[in-house]
Each structure stands twice: as structure tokens, then as C-alpha cells.
Amino acid sequence: MKRTVLFLLVVGGALTSRAWCQQPGPLPAAEAAIRAVDESYTQAFNNHDARAMAEFWSPDAVYLDRATGDQITGRAGIAEHLAHFFKHQPDVKLRLSVDSIRFLSPNLAIEYGTAKTLSPRAAPDEVGYSAVYVKREGRWLLDRVTDEASEAAPTHYQQLKALEWMVGRWVDRDKEDNITITTECNWTKNQNFLTRSYTVATQGHIDMSGMQIVGWDPVRKNICSWTFDSDGGFAEATWTRKGNQWFIYNKGVLADGRPASMVNIVKQLDKNSFTWQTVDRTAGGEMLPNIDEVVIERE
């Protein structure tokens, strides 16, 4: 019995839709009327006229914000919500972009689009929406509007979290040449960057030191680093992950002005050790020998 009822509902809906689609005359006019409502609604928004905007909603309309879970019911409640919004956003403007309007019956339509709010006090906010329009007493009214929840972009910390294991103090001791390389890595405030300071000491005397900043470049969509050494050289690099290895492609300038480049390969062995290797080294256009892989341990 339930299957029969469902079948009749589906077939009945299909026949109704087909009959409506066979009437090409009213459809363009109805769509034009809804788009005119959109324009008037946008104008009322940009005038911060909450009462005028509320008149575009049906008396028992519902507004749902999926991002916050807020649901506002009724024309009066929507007017109050809008007035509160404008009080705290005195410069906000609205820009609507309608993607499509689909008619379910002569008096019922669904609109899909994007709403973008602009304010000199905040970054532009853009959200997709669906709006159900009903036609009552010759007027198209908003009956239900849903703002779609948008996924927040990953934070810089989330982009760098794969390198969090580097935080701490690390030591590479070459007992044969009595050279000690010490590196200390820390998060900056708000965990938007990693800083790595290093020293190279021979028989306890520091020969060189430097500083590296590792961060997420939102334009290039890459982890990047900037390195400065005590001799006056500096370099910029991009980090690429391949399995459990990081390839760090460096390009920089030596203290004497010669261009230099190299690729550092870092591989984490466990939480307390990793390997470091340098290949494809150049200075002033000349190739230099590779630096063999070494194991660096947490101190």
C-alpha cells in the first residue's frame, strides 16, 4: 500500500511538472518577477531597511543558517534579526548572484545562488543559499531561506602541522672533525610560523649561525622558508612532501653576491631522530659536491 501511494505521488508530481513545463508563456514572466524581488530585496538590504526586507517574507517564513545552526521563524522575528544585524554591521552591503530558479508548480519555486556581504570593516563573506518562493495573492514571497555551511579554510597551523615533530632541540655531532651543529625549532605566537635557529661550532667555537622561518604561503599554496646566515647569505625555499621525506628546494644569494641553490632532503626516522642530506648544490653557476646523509638526534 505504501509503495502504491509513493508511486502515485511520484507519477502525479511528474505529470504536474510536465503540464507546467508545457506552458511556456507564464514561466519567463514568473522568473522575471522573482528576479525583480531579488533586486528590491537587495536594495532594501543596502538601505538597511529591516522592515521593508521583512515584507518580502511570508508571515510564517523560516530562515536557517546551517553554519551557526540559528533558525528564525516568522516575519516579525526576521525583521528583529535583521535590525540587530544592521546595528552591529552599519556599513555592510549585499550582492546577490542568482544561479538558477526552478519551478515546482505555478506558485512554488526554488532559487539557488550566492550571497556576498561587503564591509570596509571586515573581509568579504560569501555563502551559497537556497530560497523557496511561494506566490500568494499575486506576490512572490520568501518562504524558506537556507544559508549553506561553508568549509573553513585550513589555518596556517593546520598546514604546518605535518612539521610539528621538528619542534625541539636537535644536535648533529661529527666526532671525527669535532664539529657540532645545534638546531632549535619553536612555534611563533599563534602557531602561524616555525622558527629554526642553528649554530655550527668547531671545538666549541661558533663558526656560523643562522635563522630560518618556515610558514605557509596562501598565494602559492605551499610551505615556504626563508633562511639568513651570519655570513650575510640568505635563501628562499619551497617544501614538498613525498611520502615520509621532505624536499626543500633552496634558491639564494651568498654573502659575496653569487647565486646559490641546493636541495635539502629531510626524512623523519622516529620522534627523536631524522636524516638530512643536501644534493644539487650550486654556487655562482658551478656544481658543488653533495653532502652525505647524516642522522640528527633530539637532545
C-alpha atoms as a PDB file:
ATOM      1  CA  MET A   1       0.000   0.000   0.000  1.00  0.00           C
ATOM      2  CA  LYS A   2       2.794   2.412   0.903  1.00  0.00           C
ATOM      3  CA  ARG A   3       4.593   1.602  -2.351  1.00  0.00           C
ATOM      4  CA  THR A   4       1.384   2.330  -4.322  1.00  0.00           C
ATOM      5  CA  VAL A   5       0.908   5.668  -2.569  1.00  0.00           C
ATOM      6  CA  LEU A   6       4.550   6.586  -3.194  1.00  0.00           C
ATOM      7  CA  PHE A   7       4.212   5.617  -6.860  1.00  0.00           C
ATOM      8  CA  LEU A   8       1.110   7.788  -7.251  1.00  0.00           C
ATOM      9  CA  LEU A   9       2.858  10.712  -5.587  1.00  0.00           C
ATOM     10  CA  VAL A  10       5.899  10.420  -7.844  1.00  0.00           C
ATOM     11  CA  VAL A  11       3.884   9.972 -11.045  1.00  0.00           C
ATOM     12  CA  GLY A  12       1.467  12.702 -10.052  1.00  0.00           C
ATOM     13  CA  GLY A  13       4.348  15.081  -9.381  1.00  0.00           C
ATOM     14  CA  ALA A  14       5.966  14.214 -12.695  1.00  0.00           C
ATOM     15  CA  LEU A  15       2.729  14.793 -14.600  1.00  0.00           C
ATOM     16  CA  THR A  16       2.162  18.090 -12.816  1.00  0.00           C
ATOM     17  CA  SER A  17       5.691  19.243 -13.628  1.00  0.00           C
ATOM     18  CA  ARG A  18       5.286  18.186 -17.251  1.00  0.00           C
ATOM     19  CA  ALA A  19       1.982  20.016 -17.554  1.00  0.00           C
ATOM     20  CA  TRP A  20       3.557  23.142 -16.080  1.00  0.00           C
ATOM     21  CA  CYS A  21       6.565  22.950 -18.400  1.00  0.00           C
ATOM     22  CA  GLN A  22       4.235  22.744 -21.354  1.00  0.00           C
ATOM     23  CA  GLN A  23       3.062  26.269 -20.588  1.00  0.00           C
ATOM     24  CA  PRO A  24       5.984  28.382 -21.804  1.00  0.00           C
ATOM     25  CA  GLY A  25       4.129  31.664 -21.510  1.00  0.00           C
ATOM     26  CA  PRO A  26       3.902  32.218 -17.727  1.00  0.00           C
ATOM     27  CA  LEU A  27       7.359  30.799 -16.917  1.00  0.00           C
ATOM     28  CA  PRO A  28       9.553  33.662 -18.176  1.00  0.00           C
ATOM     29  CA  ALA A  29       7.251  36.236 -16.599  1.00  0.00           C
ATOM     30  CA  ALA A  30       7.279  34.394 -13.262  1.00  0.00           C
ATOM     31  CA  GLU A  31      11.044  34.122 -13.281  1.00  0.00           C
ATOM     32  CA  ALA A  32      11.351  37.806 -14.142  1.00  0.00           C
ATOM     33  CA  ALA A  33       9.047  38.611 -11.215  1.00  0.00           C
ATOM     34  CA  ILE A  34      11.218  36.641  -8.782  1.00  0.00           C
ATOM     35  CA  ARG A  35      14.380  38.280 -10.063  1.00  0.00           C
ATOM     36  CA  ALA A  36      12.706  41.657  -9.555  1.00  0.00           C
ATOM     37  CA  VAL A  37      12.031  40.659  -5.941  1.00  0.00           C
ATOM     38  CA  ASP A  38      15.718  39.788  -5.564  1.00  0.00           C
ATOM     39  CA  GLU A  39      16.701  43.230  -6.809  1.00  0.00           C
ATOM     40  CA  SER A  40      14.247  45.014  -4.499  1.00  0.00           C
ATOM     41  CA  TYR A  41      15.335  42.865  -1.562  1.00  0.00           C
ATOM     42  CA  THR A  42      18.990  43.698  -2.227  1.00  0.00           C
ATOM     43  CA  GLN A  43      18.167  47.405  -2.430  1.00  0.00           C
ATOM     44  CA  ALA A  44      16.303  47.261   0.904  1.00  0.00           C
ATOM     45  CA  PHE A  45      19.266  45.428   2.446  1.00  0.00           C
ATOM     46  CA  ASN A  46      21.729  48.036   1.222  1.00  0.00           C
ATOM     47  CA  ASN A  47      19.441  50.737   2.654  1.00  0.00           C
ATOM     48  CA  HIS A  48      19.472  48.804   5.974  1.00  0.00           C
ATOM     49  CA  ASP A  49      15.650  48.832   5.993  1.00  0.00           C
ATOM     50  CA  ALA A  50      14.790  45.774   8.089  1.00  0.00           C
ATOM     51  CA  ARG A  51      11.029  46.405   7.962  1.00  0.00           C
ATOM     52  CA  ALA A  52      10.975  46.677   4.180  1.00  0.00           C
ATOM     53  CA  MET A  53      13.003  43.480   3.906  1.00  0.00           C
ATOM     54  CA  ALA A  54      10.632  41.613   6.221  1.00  0.00           C
ATOM     55  CA  GLU A  55       7.733  42.392   3.879  1.00  0.00           C
ATOM     56  CA  PHE A  56       9.374  40.187   1.232  1.00  0.00           C
ATOM     57  CA  TRP A  57       8.918  37.165   3.548  1.00  0.00           C
ATOM     58  CA  SER A  58       5.740  35.159   4.107  1.00  0.00           C
ATOM     59  CA  PRO A  59       4.164  35.545   7.576  1.00  0.00           C
ATOM     60  CA  ASP A  60       5.334  32.083   8.696  1.00  0.00           C
ATOM     61  CA  ALA A  61       8.676  32.074   6.847  1.00  0.00           C
ATOM     62  CA  VAL A  62      11.776  30.310   8.146  1.00  0.00           C
ATOM     63  CA  TYR A  63      15.417  31.392   7.862  1.00  0.00           C
ATOM     64  CA  LEU A  64      18.059  28.739   8.597  1.00  0.00           C
ATOM     65  CA  ASP A  65      21.777  29.390   8.953  1.00  0.00           C
ATOM     66  CA  ARG A  66      23.472  25.995   8.750  1.00  0.00           C
ATOM     67  CA  ALA A  67      26.858  27.382   9.705  1.00  0.00           C
ATOM     68  CA  THR A  68      25.618  28.545  13.134  1.00  0.00           C
ATOM     69  CA  GLY A  69      22.508  26.390  13.476  1.00  0.00           C
ATOM     70  CA  ASP A  70      20.358  29.503  14.034  1.00  0.00           C
ATOM     71  CA  GLN A  71      16.728  29.272  12.898  1.00  0.00           C
ATOM     72  CA  ILE A  72      14.449  32.308  12.816  1.00  0.00           C
ATOM     73  CA  THR A  73      10.725  31.898  12.256  1.00  0.00           C
ATOM     74  CA  GLY A  74       8.096  34.428  11.241  1.00  0.00           C
ATOM     75  CA  ARG A  75       8.163  37.812   9.597  1.00  0.00           C
ATOM     76  CA  ALA A  76       8.472  39.692  12.919  1.00  0.00           C
ATOM     77  CA  GLY A  77      11.373  37.537  14.078  1.00  0.00           C
ATOM     78  CA  ILE A  78      13.195  38.034  10.785  1.00  0.00           C
ATOM     79  CA  ALA A  79      12.713  41.811  10.989  1.00  0.00           C
ATOM     80  CA  GLU A  80      14.144  41.822  14.526  1.00  0.00           C
ATOM     81  CA  HIS A  81      17.100  39.684  13.452  1.00  0.00           C
ATOM     82  CA  LEU A  82      17.883  41.973  10.520  1.00  0.00           C
ATOM     83  CA  ALA A  83      17.638  45.124  12.665  1.00  0.00           C
ATOM     84  CA  HIS A  84      20.084  43.603  15.157  1.00  0.00           C
ATOM     85  CA  PHE A  85      22.425  42.636  12.309  1.00  0.00           C
ATOM     86  CA  PHE A  86      22.447  46.140  10.819  1.00  0.00           C
ATOM     87  CA  LYS A  87      23.095  47.660  14.256  1.00  0.00           C
ATOM     88  CA  HIS A  88      26.357  45.747  14.501  1.00  0.00           C
ATOM     89  CA  GLN A  89      27.207  45.985  10.785  1.00  0.00           C
ATOM     90  CA  PRO A  90      26.496  49.644   9.942  1.00  0.00           C
ATOM     91  CA  ASP A  91      28.421  49.628   6.657  1.00  0.00           C
ATOM     92  CA  VAL A  92      27.515  46.223   5.251  1.00  0.00           C
ATOM     93  CA  LYS A  93      26.263  45.833   1.680  1.00  0.00           C
ATOM     94  CA  LEU A  94      24.784  42.844  -0.138  1.00  0.00           C
ATOM     95  CA  ARG A  95      25.462  41.459  -3.591  1.00  0.00           C
ATOM     96  CA  LEU A  96      23.325  38.573  -4.867  1.00  0.00           C
ATOM     97  CA  SER A  97      24.288  36.250  -7.695  1.00  0.00           C
ATOM     98  CA  VAL A  98      21.400  34.024  -8.818  1.00  0.00           C
ATOM     99  CA  ASP A  99      22.489  30.704 -10.326  1.00  0.00           C
ATOM    100  CA  SER A 100      19.089  29.210 -11.168  1.00  0.00           C
ATOM    101  CA  ILE A 101      15.368  29.367 -10.482  1.00  0.00           C
ATOM    102  CA  ARG A 102      13.438  26.097 -10.710  1.00  0.00           C
ATOM    103  CA  PHE A 103       9.638  25.969 -10.685  1.00  0.00           C
ATOM    104  CA  LEU A 104       7.931  23.077  -8.900  1.00  0.00           C
ATOM    105  CA  SER A 105       4.461  24.404  -9.661  1.00  0.00           C
ATOM    106  CA  PRO A 106       2.982  27.692 -10.925  1.00  0.00           C
ATOM    107  CA  ASN A 107       3.052  29.029  -7.352  1.00  0.00           C
ATOM    108  CA  LEU A 108       6.201  27.431  -5.974  1.00  0.00           C
ATOM    109  CA  ALA A 109       9.836  27.941  -6.984  1.00  0.00           C
ATOM    110  CA  ILE A 110      13.340  27.289  -5.624  1.00  0.00           C
ATOM    111  CA  GLU A 111      16.164  29.723  -6.232  1.00  0.00           C
ATOM    112  CA  TYR A 112      19.858  28.864  -5.849  1.00  0.00           C
ATOM    113  CA  GLY A 113      22.591  31.438  -5.693  1.00  0.00           C
ATOM    114  CA  THR A 114      25.392  33.115  -3.778  1.00  0.00           C
ATOM    115  CA  ALA A 115      25.106  35.971  -1.303  1.00  0.00           C
ATOM    116  CA  LYS A 116      28.173  38.142  -0.775  1.00  0.00           C
ATOM    117  CA  THR A 117      28.370  40.710   2.001  1.00  0.00           C
ATOM    118  CA  LEU A 118      30.865  43.562   1.728  1.00  0.00           C
ATOM    119  CA  SER A 119      32.067  45.818   4.518  1.00  0.00           C
ATOM    120  CA  PRO A 120      35.064  48.130   4.898  1.00  0.00           C
ATOM    121  CA  ARG A 121      35.490  46.770   8.435  1.00  0.00           C
ATOM    122  CA  ALA A 122      35.762  43.093   7.521  1.00  0.00           C
ATOM    123  CA  ALA A 123      36.807  40.721   4.777  1.00  0.00           C
ATOM    124  CA  PRO A 124      34.108  39.866   2.185  1.00  0.00           C
ATOM    125  CA  ASP A 125      31.903  36.961   3.230  1.00  0.00           C
ATOM    126  CA  GLU A 126      30.396  34.723   0.541  1.00  0.00           C
ATOM    127  CA  VAL A 127      27.899  31.930   1.130  1.00  0.00           C
ATOM    128  CA  GLY A 128      25.665  29.804  -1.047  1.00  0.00           C
ATOM    129  CA  TYR A 129      21.936  29.810  -0.396  1.00  0.00           C
ATOM    130  CA  SER A 130      18.656  28.218  -1.435  1.00  0.00           C
ATOM    131  CA  ALA A 131      15.419  30.208  -1.296  1.00  0.00           C
ATOM    132  CA  VAL A 132      11.902  28.785  -1.571  1.00  0.00           C
ATOM    133  CA  TYR A 133       9.466  31.264  -3.094  1.00  0.00           C
ATOM    134  CA  VAL A 134       5.667  30.974  -2.806  1.00  0.00           C
ATOM    135  CA  LYS A 135       3.139  33.041  -4.698  1.00  0.00           C
ATOM    136  CA  ARG A 136       0.367  34.449  -2.515  1.00  0.00           C
ATOM    137  CA  GLU A 137      -2.244  36.961  -3.624  1.00  0.00           C
ATOM    138  CA  GLY A 138      -0.246  37.731  -6.735  1.00  0.00           C
ATOM    139  CA  ARG A 139       3.084  38.314  -4.882  1.00  0.00           C
ATOM    140  CA  TRP A 140       6.174  36.144  -4.757  1.00  0.00           C
ATOM    141  CA  LEU A 141       7.306  35.836  -1.124  1.00  0.00           C
ATOM    142  CA  LEU A 142      10.282  34.180   0.524  1.00  0.00           C
ATOM    143  CA  ASP A 143       9.036  31.196   2.492  1.00  0.00           C
ATOM    144  CA  ARG A 144      12.241  29.422   3.485  1.00  0.00           C
ATOM    145  CA  VAL A 145      15.854  30.534   3.029  1.00  0.00           C
ATOM    146  CA  THR A 146      18.822  28.347   3.934  1.00  0.00           C
ATOM    147  CA  ASP A 147      22.401  29.559   4.059  1.00  0.00           C
ATOM    148  CA  GLU A 148      24.696  26.675   3.246  1.00  0.00           C
ATOM    149  CA  ALA A 149      27.510  25.943   5.675  1.00  0.00           C
ATOM    150  CA  SER A 150      30.864  26.600   4.040  1.00  0.00           C
ATOM    151  CA  GLU A 151      34.029  24.754   4.976  1.00  0.00           C
ATOM    152  CA  ALA A 152      36.535  26.951   6.707  1.00  0.00           C
ATOM    153  CA  ALA A 153      39.908  27.170   5.025  1.00  0.00           C
ATOM    154  CA  PRO A 154      42.644  25.340   6.919  1.00  0.00           C
ATOM    155  CA  THR A 155      44.622  27.567   9.260  1.00  0.00           C
ATOM    156  CA  HIS A 156      48.337  28.134   8.770  1.00  0.00           C
ATOM    157  CA  TYR A 157      48.950  25.913  11.788  1.00  0.00           C
ATOM    158  CA  GLN A 158      46.977  23.088  10.168  1.00  0.00           C
ATOM    159  CA  GLN A 159      49.050  23.469   7.005  1.00  0.00           C
ATOM    160  CA  LEU A 160      52.287  23.303   9.030  1.00  0.00           C
ATOM    161  CA  LYS A 161      51.214  20.618  11.492  1.00  0.00           C
ATOM    162  CA  ALA A 162      52.980  17.915   9.473  1.00  0.00           C
ATOM    163  CA  LEU A 163      56.264  19.566  10.546  1.00  0.00           C
ATOM    164  CA  GLU A 164      55.371  19.834  14.225  1.00  0.00           C
ATOM    165  CA  TRP A 165      57.713  16.943  15.021  1.00  0.00           C
ATOM    166  CA  MET A 166      60.643  19.317  14.351  1.00  0.00           C
ATOM    167  CA  VAL A 167      59.862  21.396  17.455  1.00  0.00           C
ATOM    168  CA  GLY A 168      62.645  20.951  19.991  1.00  0.00           C
ATOM    169  CA  ARG A 169      66.430  20.997  20.194  1.00  0.00           C
ATOM    170  CA  TRP A 170      68.475  18.830  17.809  1.00  0.00           C
ATOM    171  CA  VAL A 171      72.188  18.003  17.613  1.00  0.00           C
ATOM    172  CA  ASP A 172      74.475  16.596  14.913  1.00  0.00           C
ATOM    173  CA  ARG A 173      77.954  15.728  16.236  1.00  0.00           C
ATOM    174  CA  ASP A 174      80.816  14.933  13.887  1.00  0.00           C
ATOM    175  CA  LYS A 175      83.310  13.389  16.303  1.00  0.00           C
ATOM    176  CA  GLU A 176      85.950  12.926  13.626  1.00  0.00           C
ATOM    177  CA  ASP A 177      86.185  16.655  12.796  1.00  0.00           C
ATOM    178  CA  ASN A 178      84.917  17.785  16.217  1.00  0.00           C
ATOM    179  CA  ILE A 179      82.055  19.764  14.639  1.00  0.00           C
ATOM    180  CA  THR A 180      78.707  20.210  16.384  1.00  0.00           C
ATOM    181  CA  ILE A 181      75.614  21.560  14.639  1.00  0.00           C
ATOM    182  CA  THR A 182      72.801  22.519  17.003  1.00  0.00           C
ATOM    183  CA  THR A 183      69.310  23.426  15.818  1.00  0.00           C
ATOM    184  CA  GLU A 184      66.404  24.674  17.906  1.00  0.00           C
ATOM    185  CA  CYS A 185      62.877  24.833  16.496  1.00  0.00           C
ATOM    186  CA  ASN A 186      59.878  26.597  18.067  1.00  0.00           C
ATOM    187  CA  TRP A 187      56.411  27.800  17.173  1.00  0.00           C
ATOM    188  CA  THR A 188      55.800  31.536  16.981  1.00  0.00           C
ATOM    189  CA  LYS A 189      52.824  33.041  18.774  1.00  0.00           C
ATOM    190  CA  ASN A 190      49.502  31.762  17.352  1.00  0.00           C
ATOM    191  CA  GLN A 191      51.466  28.934  15.687  1.00  0.00           C
ATOM    192  CA  ASN A 192      51.479  30.553  12.269  1.00  0.00           C
ATOM    193  CA  PHE A 193      55.229  30.065  11.740  1.00  0.00           C
ATOM    194  CA  LEU A 194      58.044  27.802  12.826  1.00  0.00           C
ATOM    195  CA  THR A 195      61.421  29.371  13.654  1.00  0.00           C
ATOM    196  CA  ARG A 196      64.623  27.347  13.448  1.00  0.00           C
ATOM    197  CA  SER A 197      67.874  28.797  14.794  1.00  0.00           C
ATOM    198  CA  TYR A 198      71.139  26.969  14.271  1.00  0.00           C
ATOM    199  CA  THR A 199      74.815  27.187  15.179  1.00  0.00           C
ATOM    200  CA  VAL A 200      77.874  25.456  13.695  1.00  0.00           C
ATOM    201  CA  ALA A 201      80.690  25.072  16.209  1.00  0.00           C
ATOM    202  CA  THR A 202      84.218  23.633  15.850  1.00  0.00           C
ATOM    203  CA  GLN A 203      85.894  22.540  19.062  1.00  0.00           C
ATOM    204  CA  GLY A 204      83.349  24.593  20.995  1.00  0.00           C
ATOM    205  CA  HIS A 205      83.896  27.776  18.956  1.00  0.00           C
ATOM    206  CA  ILE A 206      80.883  29.005  16.920  1.00  0.00           C
ATOM    207  CA  ASP A 207      81.876  29.422  13.267  1.00  0.00           C
ATOM    208  CA  MET A 208      78.450  30.247  11.868  1.00  0.00           C
ATOM    209  CA  SER A 209      74.872  30.780  12.999  1.00  0.00           C
ATOM    210  CA  GLY A 210      71.618  31.493  11.282  1.00  0.00           C
ATOM    211  CA  MET A 211      67.862  31.756  11.455  1.00  0.00           C
ATOM    212  CA  GLN A 212      65.142  30.123   9.384  1.00  0.00           C
ATOM    213  CA  ILE A 213      61.417  30.949   9.303  1.00  0.00           C
ATOM    214  CA  VAL A 214      59.032  28.298   7.977  1.00  0.00           C
ATOM    215  CA  GLY A 215      55.490  29.278   7.031  1.00  0.00           C
ATOM    216  CA  TRP A 216      52.504  28.645   4.773  1.00  0.00           C
ATOM    217  CA  ASP A 217      52.236  30.800   1.648  1.00  0.00           C
ATOM    218  CA  PRO A 218      48.489  31.156   0.938  1.00  0.00           C
ATOM    219  CA  VAL A 219      49.138  32.533  -2.557  1.00  0.00           C
ATOM    220  CA  ARG A 220      51.432  29.761  -3.800  1.00  0.00           C
ATOM    221  CA  LYS A 221      49.631  27.147  -1.641  1.00  0.00           C
ATOM    222  CA  ASN A 222      52.964  25.838  -0.409  1.00  0.00           C
ATOM    223  CA  ILE A 223      55.100  25.580   2.688  1.00  0.00           C
ATOM    224  CA  CYS A 224      57.989  28.015   2.264  1.00  0.00           C
ATOM    225  CA  SER A 225      61.041  29.004   4.284  1.00  0.00           C
ATOM    226  CA  TRP A 226      63.377  31.968   4.471  1.00  0.00           C
ATOM    227  CA  THR A 227      66.922  31.434   5.778  1.00  0.00           C
ATOM    228  CA  PHE A 228      69.529  34.008   6.844  1.00  0.00           C
ATOM    229  CA  ASP A 229      73.086  33.166   7.928  1.00  0.00           C
ATOM    230  CA  SER A 230      75.634  35.107   9.957  1.00  0.00           C
ATOM    231  CA  ASP A 231      77.938  35.472   6.926  1.00  0.00           C
ATOM    232  CA  GLY A 232      75.335  37.600   5.126  1.00  0.00           C
ATOM    233  CA  GLY A 233      73.818  34.977   2.823  1.00  0.00           C
ATOM    234  CA  PHE A 234      70.108  34.302   2.511  1.00  0.00           C
ATOM    235  CA  ALA A 235      67.787  31.934   0.692  1.00  0.00           C
ATOM    236  CA  GLU A 236      64.136  31.220  -0.003  1.00  0.00           C
ATOM    237  CA  ALA A 237      62.809  27.684  -0.361  1.00  0.00           C
ATOM    238  CA  THR A 238      59.683  25.679  -1.070  1.00  0.00           C
ATOM    239  CA  TRP A 239      58.933  22.451   0.787  1.00  0.00           C
ATOM    240  CA  THR A 240      57.400  19.426  -0.951  1.00  0.00           C
ATOM    241  CA  ARG A 241      56.398  16.240   0.828  1.00  0.00           C
ATOM    242  CA  LYS A 242      56.876  12.847  -0.825  1.00  0.00           C
ATOM    243  CA  GLY A 243      55.949  10.003   1.491  1.00  0.00           C
ATOM    244  CA  ASN A 244      57.958  10.431   4.710  1.00  0.00           C
ATOM    245  CA  GLN A 245      60.507  12.713   3.046  1.00  0.00           C
ATOM    246  CA  TRP A 246      60.569  16.473   2.621  1.00  0.00           C
ATOM    247  CA  PHE A 247      62.370  18.012  -0.362  1.00  0.00           C
ATOM    248  CA  ILE A 248      63.425  21.606   0.332  1.00  0.00           C
ATOM    249  CA  TYR A 249      64.296  23.490  -2.873  1.00  0.00           C
ATOM    250  CA  ASN A 250      66.519  26.448  -1.952  1.00  0.00           C
ATOM    251  CA  LYS A 251      67.495  29.442  -4.081  1.00  0.00           C
ATOM    252  CA  GLY A 252      69.516  32.272  -2.601  1.00  0.00           C
ATOM    253  CA  VAL A 253      72.455  34.624  -2.664  1.00  0.00           C
ATOM    254  CA  LEU A 254      75.823  34.177  -0.961  1.00  0.00           C
ATOM    255  CA  ALA A 255      77.449  36.990   1.007  1.00  0.00           C
ATOM    256  CA  ASP A 256      79.651  37.874  -1.994  1.00  0.00           C
ATOM    257  CA  GLY A 257      76.637  38.176  -4.297  1.00  0.00           C
ATOM    258  CA  ARG A 258      76.927  34.870  -6.134  1.00  0.00           C
ATOM    259  CA  PRO A 259      73.660  32.997  -6.705  1.00  0.00           C
ATOM    260  CA  ALA A 260      73.364  29.658  -4.936  1.00  0.00           C
ATOM    261  CA  SER A 261      70.934  26.760  -4.883  1.00  0.00           C
ATOM    262  CA  MET A 262      70.567  23.363  -3.257  1.00  0.00           C
ATOM    263  CA  VAL A 263      68.024  20.692  -2.398  1.00  0.00           C
ATOM    264  CA  ASN A 264      67.829  19.504   1.202  1.00  0.00           C
ATOM    265  CA  ILE A 265      66.187  16.127   1.817  1.00  0.00           C
ATOM    266  CA  VAL A 266      64.766  15.522   5.293  1.00  0.00           C
ATOM    267  CA  LYS A 267      63.392  12.164   6.417  1.00  0.00           C
ATOM    268  CA  GLN A 268      61.900  11.589   9.856  1.00  0.00           C
ATOM    269  CA  LEU A 269      63.015   8.271  11.329  1.00  0.00           C
ATOM    270  CA  ASP A 270      61.090   8.479  14.598  1.00  0.00           C
ATOM    271  CA  LYS A 271      60.056  11.161  17.075  1.00  0.00           C
ATOM    272  CA  ASN A 272      63.658  11.619  18.214  1.00  0.00           C
ATOM    273  CA  SER A 273      65.686  11.385  15.007  1.00  0.00           C
ATOM    274  CA  PHE A 274      65.717  12.330  11.330  1.00  0.00           C
ATOM    275  CA  THR A 275      68.159  12.297   8.434  1.00  0.00           C
ATOM    276  CA  TRP A 276      69.449  15.303   6.498  1.00  0.00           C
ATOM    277  CA  GLN A 277      71.070  15.276   3.070  1.00  0.00           C
ATOM    278  CA  THR A 278      71.994  18.038   0.618  1.00  0.00           C
ATOM    279  CA  VAL A 279      72.163  17.476  -3.150  1.00  0.00           C
ATOM    280  CA  ASP A 280      72.288  19.526  -6.380  1.00  0.00           C
ATOM    281  CA  ARG A 281      74.404  22.248  -4.787  1.00  0.00           C
ATOM    282  CA  THR A 282      75.480  25.193  -6.945  1.00  0.00           C
ATOM    283  CA  ALA A 283      77.363  28.424  -6.254  1.00  0.00           C
ATOM    284  CA  GLY A 284      77.951  31.050  -8.913  1.00  0.00           C
ATOM    285  CA  GLY A 285      76.728  28.626 -11.566  1.00  0.00           C
ATOM    286  CA  GLU A 286      79.215  25.896 -10.626  1.00  0.00           C
ATOM    287  CA  MET A 287      78.216  22.480  -9.295  1.00  0.00           C
ATOM    288  CA  LEU A 288      79.404  21.549  -5.805  1.00  0.00           C
ATOM    289  CA  PRO A 289      79.703  18.084  -4.209  1.00  0.00           C
ATOM    290  CA  ASN A 290      76.680  16.622  -2.464  1.00  0.00           C
ATOM    291  CA  ILE A 291      76.664  16.398   1.323  1.00  0.00           C
ATOM    292  CA  ASP A 292      76.147  12.843   2.512  1.00  0.00           C
ATOM    293  CA  GLU A 293      73.156  11.869   4.591  1.00  0.00           C
ATOM    294  CA  VAL A 294      73.605  12.344   8.350  1.00  0.00           C
ATOM    295  CA  VAL A 295      71.431  11.351  11.286  1.00  0.00           C
ATOM    296  CA  ILE A 296      70.340  14.182  13.588  1.00  0.00           C
ATOM    297  CA  GLU A 297      69.019  13.377  17.056  1.00  0.00           C
ATOM    298  CA  ARG A 298      66.853  15.175  19.543  1.00  0.00           C
ATOM    299  CA  GLU A 299      68.797  16.483  22.518  1.00  0.00           C
END
